[in-house]
Amino acid sequence: MTYVSNLIPDPQFAHVQTSYAGNVWHSVNSTTQLDRAQNALTVTNNAGNSEPCVELYLSDLSAYHGVNMTFACKLSWIPGSATECGNGLIRLFVKDKFWKVSDGGTATVGRKALQFTVPDDTTGFGIRLYAPAAKGSAFQWWHPILTRTADYQRLQSLGVDYFDGDTMPKIE
């Protein structure tokens, strides 16, 4: 049996900051509101530009060089008609260069997943979950997970696509 790890340090969005802090979600050109009952985070564009998001920078992924990984998060709610997102819904970046983008610029409710291989020269990388491009509009994000792709696929085969990091399910 092996343990599955969710490498997101705050998968319940409990400690979102308003300024940059490594290994902690922080808001960029946005305001956030936590729904504690759902452990979901509403991200609202307060700047009227194409970069409103919450961002997490993971400072050390060196143990995962060359490993195929999956980051997934659910877009659980789109209030009103805000479906346009200027830079995609989820973006991964390495060394300040955007690297992977999900779903272009049109949002639909559902689980979003990006698969990637951690480059050998990478120590850390960032994840951005975006709000819509229109000022005052919002998206709600829920259940982020970062794990090995093989483990994510095994979780899915059991009907599971998320756990909070504390449960650490064993998989045979």
Protein backbone atom coordinates (compact mmCIF):
# COMPACT_ATOMS: atom_id res chain seq x y z
CA MET A 1 0.00 0.00 0.00
CA THR A 2 1.10 3.54 -0.68
CA TYR A 3 0.01 6.84 0.74
CA VAL A 4 -1.33 9.56 -1.51
CA SER A 5 -0.25 13.12 -0.72
CA ASN A 6 -2.05 16.37 -1.49
CA LEU A 7 0.89 18.77 -1.79
CA ILE A 8 -1.31 21.88 -1.48
CA PRO A 9 -0.44 23.21 2.01
CA ASP A 10 -3.85 24.89 2.56
CA PRO A 11 -6.45 22.94 0.52
CA GLN A 12 -9.31 24.46 2.54
CA PHE A 13 -8.22 28.06 1.73
CA ALA A 14 -8.20 28.83 5.47
CA HIS A 15 -5.24 31.24 5.42
CA VAL A 16 -5.47 33.44 2.30
CA GLN A 17 -3.17 36.47 2.61
CA THR A 18 -3.47 39.87 0.94
CA SER A 19 0.23 40.03 0.09
CA TYR A 20 2.81 37.55 -1.15
CA ALA A 21 3.94 34.84 1.23
CA GLY A 22 5.55 31.59 0.08
CA ASN A 23 3.54 28.37 0.45
CA VAL A 24 0.37 30.36 1.31
CA TRP A 25 -2.49 31.43 -0.99
CA HIS A 26 -2.53 35.20 -1.54
CA SER A 27 -4.84 37.46 -3.53
CA VAL A 28 -3.67 39.44 -6.57
CA ASN A 29 -5.91 42.25 -7.91
CA SER A 30 -8.82 40.52 -6.22
CA THR A 31 -10.79 40.18 -3.03
CA THR A 32 -11.58 36.80 -1.55
CA GLN A 33 -14.32 35.42 0.62
CA LEU A 34 -14.16 32.02 2.29
CA ASP A 35 -17.27 29.85 2.56
CA ARG A 36 -16.23 27.85 5.64
CA ALA A 37 -19.13 25.39 5.33
CA GLN A 38 -17.95 24.35 1.86
CA ASN A 39 -14.23 25.18 2.20
CA ALA A 40 -14.69 27.11 -1.02
CA LEU A 41 -13.06 30.41 -1.96
CA THR A 42 -14.86 33.12 -3.93
CA VAL A 43 -12.40 35.25 -5.91
CA THR A 44 -13.73 38.63 -7.09
CA ASN A 45 -12.08 40.90 -9.66
CA ASN A 46 -11.65 44.24 -7.88
CA ALA A 47 -9.21 45.77 -10.36
CA GLY A 48 -10.98 45.44 -13.71
CA ASN A 49 -7.95 43.85 -15.38
CA SER A 50 -7.08 40.40 -16.69
CA GLU A 51 -4.93 39.24 -13.75
CA PRO A 52 -7.34 38.93 -10.77
CA CYS A 53 -6.54 35.69 -8.98
CA VAL A 54 -5.39 33.88 -5.90
CA GLU A 55 -1.86 32.60 -6.20
CA LEU A 56 0.12 29.93 -4.39
CA TYR A 57 3.86 29.59 -4.81
CA LEU A 58 5.28 26.23 -3.74
CA SER A 59 8.92 26.85 -2.94
CA ASP A 60 10.36 23.33 -3.15
CA LEU A 61 9.27 20.61 -5.54
CA SER A 62 12.79 19.29 -6.12
CA ALA A 63 11.76 15.84 -4.86
CA TYR A 64 9.38 15.62 -7.83
CA HIS A 65 11.78 16.40 -10.72
CA GLY A 66 10.72 14.41 -13.77
CA VAL A 67 7.51 13.21 -12.10
CA ASN A 68 4.17 13.47 -13.94
CA MET A 69 1.85 15.48 -11.67
CA THR A 70 -1.78 16.61 -11.71
CA PHE A 71 -3.18 19.82 -10.26
CA ALA A 72 -6.96 19.87 -10.09
CA CYS A 73 -9.51 22.26 -8.63
CA LYS A 74 -13.26 22.60 -9.02
CA LEU A 75 -14.87 25.76 -10.34
CA SER A 76 -18.02 25.32 -8.27
CA TRP A 77 -20.01 28.50 -8.85
CA ILE A 78 -20.23 31.27 -11.42
CA PRO A 79 -22.64 33.98 -10.22
CA GLY A 80 -24.48 35.91 -12.92
CA SER A 81 -23.19 35.70 -16.45
CA ALA A 82 -19.46 36.14 -15.84
CA THR A 83 -17.88 33.45 -17.98
CA GLU A 84 -14.95 35.25 -19.60
CA CYS A 85 -11.55 35.02 -18.03
CA GLY A 86 -8.74 36.94 -19.67
CA ASN A 87 -5.89 34.50 -19.03
CA GLY A 88 -7.48 31.09 -18.59
CA LEU A 89 -8.92 29.64 -15.42
CA ILE A 90 -5.85 28.02 -13.93
CA ARG A 91 -2.24 28.86 -14.77
CA LEU A 92 0.96 27.25 -13.63
CA PHE A 93 4.19 29.20 -13.80
CA VAL A 94 7.86 28.42 -13.35
CA LYS A 95 10.56 31.07 -12.87
CA ASP A 96 8.00 33.87 -13.53
CA LYS A 97 7.08 32.39 -16.93
CA PHE A 98 3.60 31.05 -17.52
CA TRP A 99 3.79 27.44 -18.43
CA LYS A 100 0.41 25.66 -18.47
CA VAL A 101 -3.07 27.11 -18.87
CA SER A 102 -6.47 25.44 -18.56
CA ASP A 103 -9.62 26.04 -20.59
CA GLY A 104 -8.60 29.18 -22.48
CA GLY A 105 -10.79 32.08 -21.48
CA THR A 106 -14.30 30.62 -21.15
CA ALA A 107 -15.46 29.29 -17.81
CA THR A 108 -17.82 26.42 -17.11
CA VAL A 109 -18.63 24.84 -13.77
CA GLY A 110 -16.74 21.61 -13.11
CA ARG A 111 -13.46 20.01 -12.17
CA LYS A 112 -10.43 21.46 -13.96
CA ALA A 113 -7.23 19.44 -14.17
CA LEU A 114 -3.76 20.14 -15.54
CA GLN A 115 -1.17 17.42 -16.01
CA PHE A 116 2.51 18.25 -16.24
CA THR A 117 5.98 16.93 -15.58
CA VAL A 118 8.07 18.88 -13.07
CA PRO A 119 11.14 20.17 -14.96
CA ASP A 120 14.54 19.04 -13.66
CA ASP A 121 15.76 22.61 -13.17
CA THR A 122 12.73 23.72 -11.13
CA THR A 123 12.82 24.22 -7.41
CA GLY A 124 9.38 25.77 -7.04
CA PHE A 125 6.43 26.87 -9.10
CA GLY A 126 3.23 28.86 -8.81
CA ILE A 127 -0.46 28.18 -9.26
CA ARG A 128 -3.05 30.84 -10.08
CA LEU A 129 -6.82 30.42 -9.79
CA TYR A 130 -8.46 33.28 -11.69
CA ALA A 131 -11.55 35.45 -11.27
CA PRO A 132 -13.48 36.65 -14.36
CA ALA A 133 -12.07 39.51 -16.42
CA ALA A 134 -14.98 41.90 -15.67
CA LYS A 135 -14.60 44.12 -12.60
CA GLY A 136 -16.90 43.09 -9.75
CA SER A 137 -17.48 39.57 -11.10
CA ALA A 138 -16.49 36.39 -9.26
CA PHE A 139 -15.72 32.69 -9.50
CA GLN A 140 -15.81 30.23 -6.61
CA TRP A 141 -13.03 27.61 -6.33
CA TRP A 142 -13.21 24.41 -4.30
CA HIS A 143 -11.05 21.39 -3.44
CA PRO A 144 -7.55 21.99 -4.86
CA ILE A 145 -5.24 18.99 -5.07
CA LEU A 146 -1.69 18.53 -6.33
CA THR A 147 -0.48 14.94 -6.49
CA ARG A 148 1.26 12.44 -8.73
CA THR A 149 -0.84 11.77 -11.84
CA ALA A 150 -0.80 8.01 -11.20
CA ASP A 151 -2.18 8.61 -7.69
CA TYR A 152 -4.83 11.03 -8.99
CA GLN A 153 -5.95 8.43 -11.55
CA ARG A 154 -6.16 5.78 -8.82
CA LEU A 155 -8.24 8.12 -6.66
CA GLN A 156 -10.57 8.74 -9.59
CA SER A 157 -10.95 5.00 -10.15
CA LEU A 158 -12.30 4.85 -6.57
CA GLY A 159 -14.76 7.68 -7.26
CA VAL A 160 -12.64 10.26 -5.38
CA ASP A 161 -10.97 13.34 -6.86
CA TYR A 162 -10.02 15.24 -3.71
CA PHE A 163 -9.03 14.88 -0.09
CA ASP A 164 -7.96 17.58 2.33
CA GLY A 165 -4.39 16.44 2.86
CA ASP A 166 -4.98 15.23 6.40
CA THR A 167 -6.73 12.00 5.51
CA MET A 168 -3.86 10.57 3.45
CA PRO A 169 -5.79 7.62 1.95
CA LYS A 170 -3.93 4.36 1.43
CA ILE A 171 -4.24 2.84 -2.01
CA GLU A 172 -3.39 -0.76 -2.81
